[in-house]
């Protein structure tokens, strides 16, 4: 996966893939490639959301500990 990939770019590309699939104009040979790429992008987005969620939880936890000290 490209190091330049952002969550926003991945979501945009996923949206384009979904649009292609909904139009049913995707060649069968290309279909597997698009589905594979969609899976990679979905995993990237899920991973990014989990990471950001953990970072937020850590910040909230650190903030809560600072307030009680």
C-alpha atoms as a PDB file:
ATOM      1  CA  UNK A   1       0.000   0.000   0.000  1.00  0.00           C
ATOM      2  CA  UNK A   2       1.307   3.429  -0.896  1.00  0.00           C
ATOM      3  CA  UNK A   3       2.881   5.479   1.880  1.00  0.00           C
ATOM      4  CA  UNK A   4       1.106   8.546   0.455  1.00  0.00           C
ATOM      5  CA  UNK A   5      -2.322   7.013   0.986  1.00  0.00           C
ATOM      6  CA  UNK A   6      -4.574   8.935   3.332  1.00  0.00           C
ATOM      7  CA  UNK A   7      -7.892   7.945   4.840  1.00  0.00           C
ATOM      8  CA  UNK A   8      -9.646  10.509   2.643  1.00  0.00           C
ATOM      9  CA  UNK A   9      -7.950   9.232  -0.528  1.00  0.00           C
ATOM     10  CA  UNK A  10      -8.746   5.628   0.360  1.00  0.00           C
ATOM     11  CA  UNK A  11     -12.408   6.446   0.951  1.00  0.00           C
ATOM     12  CA  UNK A  12     -12.562   8.318  -2.354  1.00  0.00           C
ATOM     13  CA  UNK A  13     -11.041   5.380  -4.219  1.00  0.00           C
ATOM     14  CA  UNK A  14     -13.430   2.976  -2.456  1.00  0.00           C
ATOM     15  CA  UNK A  15     -16.326   5.158  -3.557  1.00  0.00           C
ATOM     16  CA  UNK A  16     -15.110   5.056  -7.161  1.00  0.00           C
ATOM     17  CA  UNK A  17     -14.768   1.267  -7.052  1.00  0.00           C
ATOM     18  CA  UNK A  18     -18.256   0.939  -5.607  1.00  0.00           C
ATOM     19  CA  UNK A  19     -19.678   3.181  -8.336  1.00  0.00           C
ATOM     20  CA  UNK A  20     -17.988   1.058 -10.989  1.00  0.00           C
ATOM     21  CA  UNK A  21     -19.406  -2.112  -9.470  1.00  0.00           C
ATOM     22  CA  UNK A  22     -22.907  -0.636  -9.164  1.00  0.00           C
ATOM     23  CA  UNK A  23     -22.903   0.266 -12.858  1.00  0.00           C
ATOM     24  CA  UNK A  24     -22.144  -3.380 -13.663  1.00  0.00           C
ATOM     25  CA  UNK A  25     -19.818  -2.227 -16.412  1.00  0.00           C
ATOM     26  CA  UNK A  26     -16.746  -3.855 -14.927  1.00  0.00           C
ATOM     27  CA  UNK A  27     -15.097  -6.503 -17.059  1.00  0.00           C
ATOM     28  CA  UNK A  28     -14.918  -9.851 -15.277  1.00  0.00           C
ATOM     29  CA  UNK A  29     -11.121  -9.826 -15.493  1.00  0.00           C
ATOM     30  CA  UNK A  30     -11.000  -6.397 -13.884  1.00  0.00           C
ATOM     31  CA  UNK A  31     -13.604  -7.295 -11.247  1.00  0.00           C
ATOM     32  CA  UNK A  32     -11.231  -9.434  -9.171  1.00  0.00           C
ATOM     33  CA  UNK A  33      -8.613  -6.683  -9.241  1.00  0.00           C
ATOM     34  CA  UNK A  34     -11.114  -4.028  -8.148  1.00  0.00           C
ATOM     35  CA  UNK A  35     -12.513  -6.226  -5.376  1.00  0.00           C
ATOM     36  CA  UNK A  36      -8.976  -6.987  -4.185  1.00  0.00           C
ATOM     37  CA  UNK A  37      -8.068  -3.311  -4.169  1.00  0.00           C
ATOM     38  CA  UNK A  38     -11.298  -2.516  -2.353  1.00  0.00           C
ATOM     39  CA  UNK A  39     -10.412  -5.066   0.314  1.00  0.00           C
ATOM     40  CA  UNK A  40      -6.958  -3.509   0.763  1.00  0.00           C
ATOM     41  CA  UNK A  41      -8.460  -0.029   1.053  1.00  0.00           C
ATOM     42  CA  UNK A  42     -11.082  -1.183   3.533  1.00  0.00           C
ATOM     43  CA  UNK A  43      -8.410  -2.803   5.701  1.00  0.00           C
ATOM     44  CA  UNK A  44      -6.347   0.391   5.523  1.00  0.00           C
ATOM     45  CA  UNK A  45      -9.333   2.520   6.586  1.00  0.00           C
ATOM     46  CA  UNK A  46     -10.254   0.163   9.428  1.00  0.00           C
ATOM     47  CA  UNK A  47      -6.658   0.146  10.652  1.00  0.00           C
ATOM     48  CA  UNK A  48      -6.455   3.947  10.475  1.00  0.00           C
ATOM     49  CA  UNK A  49      -9.710   4.350  12.408  1.00  0.00           C
ATOM     50  CA  UNK A  50      -8.531   1.920  15.087  1.00  0.00           C
ATOM     51  CA  UNK A  51      -5.223   3.779  15.411  1.00  0.00           C
ATOM     52  CA  UNK A  52      -6.899   7.179  15.684  1.00  0.00           C
ATOM     53  CA  UNK A  53      -9.434   5.774  18.150  1.00  0.00           C
ATOM     54  CA  UNK A  54      -6.612   4.455  20.336  1.00  0.00           C
ATOM     55  CA  UNK A  55      -4.760   7.777  20.132  1.00  0.00           C
ATOM     56  CA  UNK A  56      -7.910   9.604  21.245  1.00  0.00           C
ATOM     57  CA  UNK A  57      -8.488   7.128  24.077  1.00  0.00           C
ATOM     58  CA  UNK A  58      -4.872   7.597  25.200  1.00  0.00           C
ATOM     59  CA  UNK A  59      -5.251  11.387  25.148  1.00  0.00           C
ATOM     60  CA  UNK A  60      -8.484  11.233  27.136  1.00  0.00           C
ATOM     61  CA  UNK A  61      -6.880   8.843  29.621  1.00  0.00           C
ATOM     62  CA  UNK A  62      -3.817  11.089  29.978  1.00  0.00           C
ATOM     63  CA  UNK A  63      -6.042  14.129  30.383  1.00  0.00           C
ATOM     64  CA  UNK A  64      -8.154  12.408  33.026  1.00  0.00           C
ATOM     65  CA  UNK A  65      -5.061  11.383  34.979  1.00  0.00           C
ATOM     66  CA  UNK A  66      -3.703  14.946  34.831  1.00  0.00           C
ATOM     67  CA  UNK A  67      -6.953  16.335  36.201  1.00  0.00           C
ATOM     68  CA  UNK A  68      -6.932  13.962  39.191  1.00  0.00           C
ATOM     69  CA  UNK A  69      -3.298  14.730  40.138  1.00  0.00           C
END
